[in-house]
Amino acid sequence: MEIERKYLVQQLPESLSGYPCRIIEQGYLNTDPVVRIRRDNEKYELTYKSKGFMTRMEYNLPLTQEAYEHLLTKIDGHLIQKKRYMIPLTNDLTAELDIFEGDLAPLILVEVEFSSEEAALAFVPPSWFGDDVTFSGKYHNSTLSKL
């Protein structure tokens, strides 16, 4: 189960280079239901996500680099490329700050994952978070891949 809130970002936090950064590319084999392939640094996986906004079922399966590259030729829409910075917040939460590259630049989104819906709904974002887009399908990566 994935429980997350998502926000636009207008202003980057200071000292971004001091946080761990992952290089991610992902493509969609299907968007309804969501079937995604992803390269996260040197880790490859296939993901299924159910419908929903804040709460969705998510299943991840490992892929080899060869399987990923084979499936990459079969994606619908654009390949999404982004840098993801992992920024610690209070209460053991982590902000996953995505800076999109290529066709989606200069879009910047931040997500925070929670252990419960109650915790997600009670979350008060830091001042550098922008508009809450959790309940807008417009900012799902599967939707963005079609732009």
Protein backbone atom coordinates (compact mmCIF):
# COMPACT_ATOMS: atom_id res chain seq x y z
CA MET A 1 0.00 0.00 0.00
CA GLU A 2 1.34 3.42 -0.95
CA ILE A 3 0.04 6.43 0.97
CA GLU A 4 1.51 9.71 -0.17
CA ARG A 5 0.89 13.44 -0.53
CA LYS A 6 2.22 15.37 -3.52
CA TYR A 7 2.98 19.09 -3.87
CA LEU A 8 4.23 21.49 -6.50
CA VAL A 9 7.47 23.26 -5.61
CA GLN A 10 8.08 26.89 -6.51
CA GLN A 11 11.26 27.42 -4.47
CA LEU A 12 13.96 24.81 -3.89
CA PRO A 13 15.23 24.24 -0.35
CA GLU A 14 18.71 25.51 0.43
CA SER A 15 21.80 23.29 0.21
CA LEU A 16 20.18 20.83 -2.19
CA SER A 17 23.58 19.40 -3.14
CA GLY A 18 23.99 18.16 0.46
CA TYR A 19 21.18 15.59 0.10
CA PRO A 20 21.34 12.13 -1.50
CA CYS A 21 20.31 12.23 -5.16
CA ARG A 22 19.03 9.41 -7.36
CA ILE A 23 18.85 9.48 -11.15
CA ILE A 24 15.52 8.05 -12.30
CA GLU A 25 14.02 7.29 -15.68
CA GLN A 26 10.67 5.61 -16.09
CA GLY A 27 8.26 4.69 -18.82
CA TYR A 28 4.73 3.35 -18.91
CA LEU A 29 3.70 0.15 -20.65
CA ASN A 30 0.10 0.93 -19.69
CA THR A 31 -1.60 3.78 -17.82
CA ASP A 32 -4.95 2.18 -16.92
CA PRO A 33 -4.03 0.21 -14.90
CA VAL A 34 -0.56 1.68 -14.37
CA VAL A 35 2.26 -0.64 -15.39
CA ARG A 36 5.61 1.13 -15.18
CA ILE A 37 9.25 0.27 -15.74
CA ARG A 38 11.90 2.23 -13.87
CA ARG A 39 15.65 2.62 -13.66
CA ASP A 40 16.60 4.09 -10.28
CA ASN A 41 20.37 4.59 -10.43
CA GLU A 42 21.40 0.99 -11.22
CA LYS A 43 18.23 -0.71 -9.90
CA TYR A 44 15.57 -1.82 -12.39
CA GLU A 45 11.94 -2.72 -11.63
CA LEU A 46 8.47 -3.25 -13.02
CA THR A 47 5.64 -1.68 -11.00
CA TYR A 48 1.87 -2.09 -10.99
CA LYS A 49 -0.22 0.65 -9.32
CA SER A 50 -3.96 0.56 -8.71
CA LYS A 51 -6.26 3.52 -9.29
CA GLY A 52 -6.46 6.23 -6.67
CA PHE A 53 -4.89 9.43 -5.48
CA MET A 54 -3.49 9.52 -1.93
CA THR A 55 -3.76 5.75 -1.31
CA ARG A 56 -2.99 3.09 -3.93
CA MET A 57 -1.92 -0.51 -4.05
CA GLU A 58 1.60 -0.87 -5.45
CA TYR A 59 3.54 -3.98 -6.42
CA ASN A 60 7.20 -3.92 -7.46
CA LEU A 61 9.09 -6.68 -9.23
CA PRO A 62 12.84 -6.63 -9.94
CA LEU A 63 14.06 -6.52 -13.53
CA THR A 64 17.46 -7.13 -15.05
CA GLN A 65 19.04 -4.31 -17.03
CA GLU A 66 18.50 -6.36 -20.21
CA ALA A 67 14.78 -6.86 -19.48
CA TYR A 68 14.41 -3.15 -18.69
CA GLU A 69 16.09 -2.13 -21.95
CA HIS A 70 13.89 -4.58 -23.91
CA LEU A 71 10.69 -3.22 -22.30
CA LEU A 72 11.88 0.37 -22.81
CA THR A 73 11.24 -0.04 -26.55
CA LYS A 74 7.59 -0.80 -25.78
CA ILE A 75 6.58 2.20 -23.63
CA ASP A 76 3.67 4.45 -24.50
CA GLY A 77 4.30 8.17 -24.36
CA HIS A 78 7.50 9.88 -23.25
CA LEU A 79 10.26 8.52 -21.07
CA ILE A 80 10.28 10.50 -17.82
CA GLN A 81 13.69 11.62 -16.59
CA LYS A 82 14.24 13.22 -13.21
CA LYS A 83 16.63 13.74 -10.34
CA ARG A 84 15.22 12.74 -6.96
CA TYR A 85 16.62 14.32 -3.81
CA MET A 86 15.89 12.62 -0.49
CA ILE A 87 15.36 15.34 2.15
CA PRO A 88 14.74 14.36 5.79
CA LEU A 89 11.73 15.96 7.49
CA THR A 90 10.47 15.69 11.06
CA ASN A 91 8.82 12.55 12.52
CA ASP A 92 10.98 10.19 10.42
CA LEU A 93 9.41 11.45 7.18
CA THR A 94 11.34 12.04 3.97
CA ALA A 95 10.56 14.52 1.21
CA GLU A 96 11.25 13.01 -2.21
CA LEU A 97 11.97 16.07 -4.35
CA ASP A 98 11.73 15.37 -8.10
CA ILE A 99 13.33 17.80 -10.53
CA PHE A 100 12.12 16.80 -13.98
CA GLU A 101 14.35 16.99 -17.03
CA GLY A 102 13.77 16.92 -20.77
CA ASP A 103 10.22 17.60 -21.98
CA LEU A 104 8.86 18.07 -18.44
CA ALA A 105 11.43 20.65 -17.27
CA PRO A 106 11.08 22.93 -15.32
CA LEU A 107 8.43 20.95 -13.37
CA ILE A 108 9.37 20.24 -9.73
CA LEU A 109 7.24 18.05 -7.46
CA VAL A 110 7.74 16.74 -3.94
CA GLU A 111 6.13 13.64 -2.42
CA VAL A 112 5.98 12.41 1.15
CA GLU A 113 5.01 8.82 1.99
CA PHE A 114 3.13 7.96 5.17
CA SER A 115 2.37 4.88 7.24
CA SER A 116 -1.36 5.71 7.52
CA GLU A 117 -4.03 7.86 5.92
CA GLU A 118 -4.50 9.63 9.26
CA ALA A 119 -0.84 10.68 9.29
CA ALA A 120 -1.09 11.83 5.68
CA LEU A 121 -4.17 13.94 6.35
CA ALA A 122 -2.62 15.49 9.50
CA PHE A 123 0.63 16.42 7.70
CA VAL A 124 1.62 20.09 7.75
CA PRO A 125 4.06 20.73 4.89
CA PRO A 126 7.21 22.84 5.24
CA SER A 127 7.07 26.39 3.91
CA TRP A 128 8.98 25.52 0.74
CA PHE A 129 6.23 23.12 -0.40
CA GLY A 130 3.80 24.72 -2.87
CA ASP A 131 0.25 23.81 -3.85
CA ASP A 132 -1.07 20.41 -2.74
CA VAL A 133 -1.78 18.37 -5.89
CA THR A 134 -2.36 15.03 -4.16
CA PHE A 135 -5.90 14.72 -5.46
CA SER A 136 -5.14 15.85 -9.01
CA GLY A 137 -4.49 13.10 -11.52
CA LYS A 138 -2.81 15.77 -13.66
CA TYR A 139 0.42 15.29 -11.71
CA HIS A 140 0.58 11.49 -11.73
CA ASN A 141 3.74 10.50 -13.59
CA SER A 142 1.64 8.22 -15.80
CA THR A 143 -0.34 11.29 -16.93
CA LEU A 144 2.81 13.37 -17.36
CA SER A 145 4.25 10.68 -19.66
CA LYS A 146 1.48 11.49 -22.16
CA LEU A 147 2.28 15.23 -22.43
